[in-house]
Every structure is written in structure tokens, then in C-alpha cells.
Amino acid sequence: MRDISKYQGIIPAFYACYDDEGKVSRERTKALTEFFVKKGVKGLYVGGSSGECIYQSVAERKEILEAVMEVAKGKLTVIAHVACNNTADSCELAAHAESLGVDAIASIPPIYFHLPEHAIAQYWNDISAAAPNTDFVIYNIPQLAGVALTMPLFKEMLKNPRVAAVKNSSMPIQDIQMFKMEGGENFAVFNGPDEQLIGGLAIGADGAIGGTYGVMPELYLKIFELCKAGDYAAARKIQYAADAIIYAMCACKGNLYAVMKAIMKIREGLDIGSVRKPLPAVVPEDMEQVKKCAGMIDEAIKAYC
């Protein structure tokens, strides 16, 4: 019987950490990992959308995961997203992740070409076979990947005993219920959309993986705590506050991840660089809004945590 307790909690999606020249920074990656250990989150999701993985080489992605594991191993659950847009590189990253002792690997479906479901299943199973002793997490994010995890495809993937969870970032909360019902009690489902965390938890999500968790982990940790205690009225107030912050951060010209990195530098004194092109960096006229967002986070933490 699989133990899914390691997946039950708040798991921030790890941000890419660059030096001042835009190269992957091992030192800043380790510093961000240490930050999360101190914040008391359940784990980290490394190399996904928030990690800007599609703009990095295989070697860079290996270096980032190695730096994270130097700090996090034995302290946090680590899920390594290993998908590339070809099977060979994805399998290489999967084998590398297993060699480091991650708790699970994860993968979106192949993007750009719309493949038939049997080819998507083969892609995922090939990746899983490259890490035969490691749990596999399906990452369902149809709004970006261009293909959704259907129930027939999901049932096909459940034939693989290493398939342990779904990171569900589709907007319908019903998808969480459907995957949880079909997967069973020993199968984990993660809520993906940060803006509806309490909805996902209410309908059965075991844990949550989110891109904005890193900039305000205290708020999401409190939401999780309150939901598990059944106090959804109190959790809803914090959810609304977190959502307002997300909307405010998205009002900048710079990419959301660039904005959040700038906020972390202001609030935490943690410099992890900017974002990689073609993602747009924060521009000078964004800074007033960035400071406003930092203040909103401070106020929400003071009010609710």
C-alpha cells in the first residue's frame, strides 16, 4: 500500500534562480531551498512552469535539481518535473532525478504536436520506466499544454503501478473529484490553480502545488491548516486576500514570476535574479505596483497568520 502522506500539504512550485548575467545560480538555488525549509512547507515541485523549464537546457535542469537536493533531501518532499518535448531528454532527466533520491518525478504531456492518447501514454510510461523505483505524477494543465488528461487516458495510466498522483491545474474543480474517485484512497491529487485552493481541498485534494505559494507561503499554509480543521469560512477570507494579491501582481508589465522574484527581494532580502527571455522582466514603471503587492502580502500575513 502506497503512503501518500508525503504529498499531503503545501508544496510551492520552485522558482528558477539566476545570477546577474542570467545563468543558473547554484548558490541562489540553495538559498531559496533553505528559505522554504525554514518556512515549513511540505515540499517542493522543481522544474515546472514556475521553474521556467521550457527555457532551460537538460544540463541546467540537472544542476538546479542537484542544488535543491543538497539542501532539501530528508527535509522536504521533492517532486521533479522532468518533461522535455522529446522522450530521450525526458528519460535522461527522470533517471537523473531518481539517482538523486527525489520522492517523485512528474511530466506534462508533449506539447505543440497534438498526439493521440496512446502516444501520450507511451511517452509517460517511457519516462516512468527510466525511473523504475520512483513515483510518477501526471501534470494536467490543458490550458498551457494544449491537451487534457481525459478519464480514458487516466485509466490507462493507472495500469502503471508507479503512477501515484495527478497535479491537476485544470480549472474545473470537478476534475479533482473525478481523479480522486478513480484513483482511490492511496492515490494523491494535487490542487493546481492557486486561486481556488479551498475549493480543491473541499472536494478532495490531498495537497496543493502552486506557483504563487513561494511569494506568500504563510497564507497558503494557513489556508491548508484551516481547511483541514473544517473552518472554511476563515480559510475563505485568506483565499480572497491571496487572490487579490495575485490579481495585483498580474497587473504589472513584467511577467508574474519576475514580479514575485522582485517582491521576495523586497520582503525577504532574497535575490534570485529575474526571468529568462522571452519572459518579460520587471520594468521601472512596475516598481510602484511591486511595492504595493509586497505591502498587501505583509498586511494579509499580519491579519491572518
Protein backbone atom coordinates (compact mmCIF):
# COMPACT_ATOMS: atom_id res chain seq x y z
CA MET A 1 0.00 0.00 0.00
CA ARG A 2 1.39 3.38 -1.02
CA ASP A 3 1.94 6.04 1.67
CA ILE A 4 0.68 9.35 0.28
CA SER A 5 1.25 11.32 3.48
CA LYS A 6 4.37 12.89 1.96
CA TYR A 7 2.13 14.56 -0.63
CA GLN A 8 -0.41 15.96 1.84
CA GLY A 9 0.39 19.63 2.31
CA ILE A 10 1.54 22.84 0.68
CA ILE A 11 4.20 22.33 -1.99
CA PRO A 12 5.47 25.52 -3.65
CA ALA A 13 6.49 25.35 -7.28
CA PHE A 14 10.18 26.22 -7.18
CA TYR A 15 11.34 29.39 -8.96
CA ALA A 16 14.28 29.43 -11.36
CA CYS A 17 17.25 31.15 -9.72
CA TYR A 18 19.64 33.05 -11.97
CA ASP A 19 22.74 35.13 -11.40
CA ASP A 20 23.06 38.73 -12.57
CA GLU A 21 24.05 37.52 -16.05
CA GLY A 22 21.01 35.29 -16.37
CA LYS A 23 22.83 31.99 -15.84
CA VAL A 24 21.54 29.33 -13.46
CA SER A 25 22.89 30.06 -9.99
CA ARG A 26 23.60 27.07 -7.76
CA GLU A 27 24.15 29.32 -4.76
CA ARG A 28 20.86 31.19 -5.18
CA THR A 29 19.04 27.90 -5.80
CA LYS A 30 20.32 26.55 -2.48
CA ALA A 31 19.39 29.79 -0.72
CA LEU A 32 15.82 29.58 -2.00
CA THR A 33 15.60 25.95 -0.90
CA GLU A 34 16.79 26.91 2.58
CA PHE A 35 14.14 29.64 2.65
CA PHE A 36 11.42 27.05 2.03
CA VAL A 37 12.79 24.68 4.66
CA LYS A 38 12.56 27.49 7.23
CA LYS A 39 9.02 28.41 6.15
CA GLY A 40 7.81 24.91 6.99
CA VAL A 41 6.26 23.89 3.67
CA LYS A 42 5.64 20.22 2.93
CA GLY A 43 7.79 20.01 -0.16
CA LEU A 44 8.93 21.49 -3.46
CA TYR A 45 7.91 20.99 -7.08
CA VAL A 46 11.10 21.56 -9.06
CA GLY A 47 11.45 22.22 -12.78
CA GLY A 48 7.87 23.01 -13.71
CA SER A 49 6.24 26.11 -15.16
CA SER A 50 7.42 28.29 -12.27
CA GLY A 51 10.91 26.91 -12.81
CA GLU A 52 10.88 28.14 -16.43
CA CYS A 53 11.85 24.63 -17.52
CA ILE A 54 10.99 25.07 -21.20
CA TYR A 55 13.67 27.76 -21.46
CA GLN A 56 16.46 25.68 -19.90
CA SER A 57 18.85 23.03 -21.16
CA VAL A 58 18.97 19.50 -19.81
CA ALA A 59 22.28 20.29 -18.11
CA GLU A 60 20.81 23.36 -16.41
CA ARG A 61 17.82 21.44 -15.15
CA LYS A 62 20.11 18.79 -13.70
CA GLU A 63 22.19 21.43 -11.95
CA ILE A 64 19.12 23.05 -10.40
CA LEU A 65 17.76 19.77 -9.05
CA GLU A 66 21.16 18.79 -7.69
CA ALA A 67 21.38 22.08 -5.78
CA VAL A 68 17.86 21.70 -4.41
CA MET A 69 18.54 18.16 -3.24
CA GLU A 70 21.74 19.17 -1.47
CA VAL A 71 19.56 21.15 0.90
CA ALA A 72 16.12 19.53 0.77
CA LYS A 73 16.86 15.78 0.86
CA GLY A 74 15.39 14.31 4.01
CA LYS A 75 13.75 17.62 4.93
CA LEU A 76 11.15 18.20 2.22
CA THR A 77 9.20 16.13 -0.26
CA VAL A 78 10.74 16.80 -3.67
CA ILE A 79 8.86 16.25 -6.92
CA ALA A 80 11.00 16.79 -10.01
CA HIS A 81 9.25 17.77 -13.21
CA VAL A 82 11.29 16.09 -15.94
CA ALA A 83 9.30 16.58 -19.13
CA CYS A 84 11.01 17.85 -22.26
CA ASN A 85 9.49 17.96 -25.70
CA ASN A 86 11.18 14.73 -26.67
CA THR A 87 11.28 11.37 -24.93
CA ALA A 88 15.06 10.88 -24.79
CA ASP A 89 15.79 14.08 -22.84
CA SER A 90 12.82 13.43 -20.55
CA CYS A 91 14.10 9.95 -19.74
CA GLU A 92 17.58 11.30 -19.08
CA LEU A 93 16.18 13.79 -16.57
CA ALA A 94 13.99 11.09 -14.98
CA ALA A 95 16.94 8.76 -14.43
CA HIS A 96 18.99 11.64 -13.06
CA ALA A 97 16.21 12.64 -10.66
CA GLU A 98 15.92 9.08 -9.36
CA SER A 99 19.68 8.92 -8.82
CA LEU A 100 19.37 11.95 -6.53
CA GLY A 101 16.65 10.34 -4.44
CA VAL A 102 13.64 12.52 -5.27
CA ASP A 103 10.26 11.42 -3.96
CA ALA A 104 8.58 11.57 -7.35
CA ILE A 105 9.01 12.65 -10.93
CA ALA A 106 6.32 14.47 -12.90
CA SER A 107 5.53 15.26 -16.50
CA ILE A 108 3.20 17.29 -18.66
CA PRO A 109 2.17 15.69 -21.98
CA PRO A 110 4.22 16.52 -25.07
CA ILE A 111 3.33 19.97 -26.39
CA TYR A 112 2.98 21.52 -29.87
CA PHE A 113 2.01 18.39 -31.83
CA HIS A 114 -1.39 17.09 -30.75
CA LEU A 115 -0.61 13.42 -30.21
CA PRO A 116 -3.16 10.61 -29.88
CA GLU A 117 -3.74 9.40 -26.34
CA HIS A 118 -1.92 6.11 -26.87
CA ALA A 119 1.22 8.11 -27.82
CA ILE A 120 0.89 10.32 -24.74
CA ALA A 121 0.57 7.21 -22.56
CA GLN A 122 3.66 5.71 -24.21
CA TYR A 123 5.59 8.95 -23.59
CA TRP A 124 4.68 8.97 -19.89
CA ASN A 125 5.33 5.25 -19.45
CA ASP A 126 8.73 5.56 -21.14
CA ILE A 127 9.66 8.35 -18.74
CA SER A 128 8.41 6.35 -15.77
CA ALA A 129 10.40 3.31 -16.89
CA ALA A 130 13.57 5.41 -16.79
CA ALA A 131 12.97 5.90 -13.04
CA PRO A 132 11.61 2.45 -12.10
CA ASN A 133 11.82 2.96 -8.33
CA THR A 134 10.18 6.39 -8.20
CA ASP A 135 6.58 7.57 -8.05
CA PHE A 136 5.22 9.23 -11.18
CA VAL A 137 2.96 12.30 -11.13
CA ILE A 138 0.85 13.25 -14.14
CA TYR A 139 0.74 17.02 -14.63
CA ASN A 140 -2.61 18.04 -16.11
CA ILE A 141 -2.50 21.64 -17.34
CA PRO A 142 -4.59 21.70 -20.53
CA GLN A 143 -4.70 25.50 -20.84
CA LEU A 144 -0.94 25.53 -21.49
CA ALA A 145 -0.16 22.03 -22.74
CA GLY A 146 -2.99 22.08 -25.26
CA VAL A 147 -4.22 18.62 -24.28
CA ALA A 148 -6.27 17.47 -21.28
CA LEU A 149 -6.00 14.36 -19.14
CA THR A 150 -9.18 12.51 -20.09
CA MET A 151 -10.63 9.72 -17.99
CA PRO A 152 -9.79 7.04 -20.60
CA LEU A 153 -6.16 8.22 -20.65
CA PHE A 154 -6.11 8.41 -16.86
CA LYS A 155 -7.43 4.85 -16.53
CA GLU A 156 -4.79 3.66 -18.98
CA MET A 157 -2.06 5.33 -16.91
CA LEU A 158 -3.33 3.74 -13.69
CA LYS A 159 -2.18 0.39 -15.12
CA ASN A 160 1.35 1.66 -14.36
CA PRO A 161 1.88 0.91 -10.63
CA ARG A 162 4.29 3.84 -10.31
CA VAL A 163 1.58 6.38 -11.20
CA ALA A 164 0.91 7.83 -7.76
CA ALA A 165 -0.68 11.23 -8.27
CA VAL A 166 -2.09 13.89 -10.55
CA LYS A 167 -1.13 17.55 -10.31
CA ASN A 168 -4.38 18.99 -11.54
CA SER A 169 -4.14 22.53 -12.87
CA SER A 170 -7.29 22.44 -14.98
CA MET A 171 -9.86 24.99 -13.86
CA PRO A 172 -12.86 22.68 -13.21
CA ILE A 173 -12.70 21.56 -9.58
CA GLN A 174 -14.77 18.56 -10.61
CA ASP A 175 -11.65 17.10 -12.27
CA ILE A 176 -10.07 16.70 -8.82
CA GLN A 177 -13.09 14.74 -7.63
CA MET A 178 -13.06 12.51 -10.71
CA PHE A 179 -9.34 11.72 -10.46
CA LYS A 180 -9.58 11.10 -6.72
CA MET A 181 -12.59 8.81 -7.09
CA GLU A 182 -10.97 6.77 -9.84
CA GLY A 183 -7.50 6.75 -8.28
CA GLY A 184 -8.67 5.68 -4.83
CA GLU A 185 -7.58 6.47 -1.31
CA ASN A 186 -3.93 5.58 -1.92
CA PHE A 187 -3.71 7.91 -4.91
CA ALA A 188 -2.87 11.59 -4.40
CA VAL A 189 -4.42 14.51 -6.23
CA PHE A 190 -2.89 17.98 -6.00
CA ASN A 191 -4.86 21.19 -6.46
CA GLY A 192 -3.15 23.32 -9.08
CA PRO A 193 -4.96 26.67 -9.52
CA ASP A 194 -3.85 28.80 -6.57
CA GLU A 195 -6.96 30.98 -6.82
CA GLN A 196 -9.23 28.08 -5.86
CA LEU A 197 -7.21 26.20 -3.26
CA ILE A 198 -10.04 25.94 -0.76
CA GLY A 199 -12.35 24.57 -3.45
CA GLY A 200 -9.85 21.90 -4.40
CA LEU A 201 -9.28 20.88 -0.79
CA ALA A 202 -13.01 20.81 -0.09
CA ILE A 203 -13.67 18.40 -2.94
CA GLY A 204 -10.85 16.04 -2.01
CA ALA A 205 -7.37 17.25 -2.98
CA ASP A 206 -4.70 15.73 -0.76
CA GLY A 207 -2.22 18.54 -1.20
CA ALA A 208 -1.53 21.53 -3.36
CA ILE A 209 1.22 22.68 -5.71
CA GLY A 210 1.22 26.33 -6.68
CA GLY A 211 3.26 28.98 -8.44
CA THR A 212 2.40 31.82 -6.08
CA TYR A 213 2.98 29.81 -2.90
CA GLY A 214 6.64 30.81 -2.78
CA VAL A 215 5.99 34.55 -2.51
CA MET A 216 3.47 34.19 0.33
CA PRO A 217 3.76 30.68 1.83
CA GLU A 218 2.37 31.78 5.18
CA LEU A 219 -1.05 32.50 3.67
CA TYR A 220 -1.36 29.16 1.90
CA LEU A 221 -0.08 27.21 4.90
CA LYS A 222 -2.81 28.87 6.96
CA ILE A 223 -5.48 28.13 4.35
CA PHE A 224 -4.45 24.46 4.36
CA GLU A 225 -4.49 24.33 8.16
CA LEU A 226 -7.95 25.90 8.37
CA CYS A 227 -9.42 23.69 5.65
CA LYS A 228 -8.13 20.56 7.33
CA ALA A 229 -9.78 21.78 10.54
CA GLY A 230 -13.03 22.32 8.64
CA ASP A 231 -13.05 26.09 9.12
CA TYR A 232 -13.78 27.05 5.53
CA ALA A 233 -15.26 30.42 6.46
CA ALA A 234 -11.94 31.58 7.91
CA ALA A 235 -10.00 29.96 5.06
CA ARG A 236 -12.15 31.78 2.50
CA LYS A 237 -11.13 35.18 3.89
CA ILE A 238 -7.47 34.33 3.35
CA GLN A 239 -8.19 32.89 -0.08
CA TYR A 240 -9.82 36.15 -1.10
CA ALA A 241 -6.81 38.09 0.21
CA ALA A 242 -4.39 35.83 -1.68
CA ASP A 243 -6.45 36.13 -4.86
CA ALA A 244 -6.44 39.93 -4.62
CA ILE A 245 -2.66 39.82 -4.35
CA ILE A 246 -2.41 37.54 -7.40
CA TYR A 247 -4.58 39.88 -9.46
CA ALA A 248 -2.45 42.84 -8.35
CA MET A 249 0.79 41.06 -9.27
CA CYS A 250 -0.60 40.24 -12.72
CA ALA A 251 -1.24 43.96 -13.32
CA CYS A 252 2.45 44.61 -13.95
CA LYS A 253 4.11 44.73 -17.36
CA GLY A 254 6.71 42.23 -16.22
CA ASN A 255 5.95 38.51 -16.13
CA LEU A 256 4.32 37.21 -12.93
CA TYR A 257 7.44 35.26 -11.96
CA ALA A 258 9.62 38.32 -12.41
CA VAL A 259 7.22 40.27 -10.20
CA MET A 260 7.26 37.64 -7.49
CA LYS A 261 11.04 37.48 -7.51
CA ALA A 262 11.16 41.25 -7.09
CA ILE A 263 8.72 41.03 -4.18
CA MET A 264 10.82 38.35 -2.49
CA LYS A 265 13.86 40.58 -2.78
CA ILE A 266 11.93 43.40 -1.05
CA ARG A 267 10.25 41.32 1.65
CA GLU A 268 12.81 38.59 2.32
CA GLY A 269 16.07 40.11 1.12
CA LEU A 270 16.36 37.08 -1.16
CA ASP A 271 17.85 37.88 -4.58
CA ILE A 272 17.20 35.03 -7.03
CA GLY A 273 17.57 37.06 -10.20
CA SER A 274 14.99 37.82 -12.87
CA VAL A 275 13.38 35.64 -15.55
CA ARG A 276 14.76 34.20 -18.75
CA LYS A 277 13.82 35.67 -22.11
CA PRO A 278 11.39 35.64 -23.80
CA LEU A 279 9.61 36.10 -20.46
CA PRO A 280 9.49 39.87 -19.85
CA ALA A 281 11.39 41.22 -16.85
CA VAL A 282 10.08 43.82 -14.43
CA VAL A 283 10.42 47.36 -15.83
CA PRO A 284 10.97 50.54 -13.77
CA GLU A 285 7.32 51.60 -14.05
CA ASP A 286 6.32 48.29 -12.41
CA MET A 287 8.08 49.07 -9.15
CA GLU A 288 5.30 51.08 -7.56
CA GLN A 289 2.90 48.18 -8.13
CA VAL A 290 5.52 45.66 -6.96
CA LYS A 291 5.91 47.57 -3.69
CA LYS A 292 2.13 47.75 -3.34
CA CYS A 293 1.90 43.98 -3.73
CA ALA A 294 4.64 43.45 -1.14
CA GLY A 295 2.65 45.62 1.25
CA MET A 296 -0.53 43.65 0.55
CA ILE A 297 1.28 40.44 1.49
CA ASP A 298 2.59 41.99 4.69
CA GLU A 299 -0.89 43.18 5.64
CA ALA A 300 -2.51 39.82 4.91
CA ILE A 301 0.06 37.90 6.93
CA LYS A 302 -0.38 40.31 9.83
CA ALA A 303 -4.16 39.97 9.66
CA TYR A 304 -4.49 36.22 9.26
CA CYS A 305 -1.28 34.48 10.35
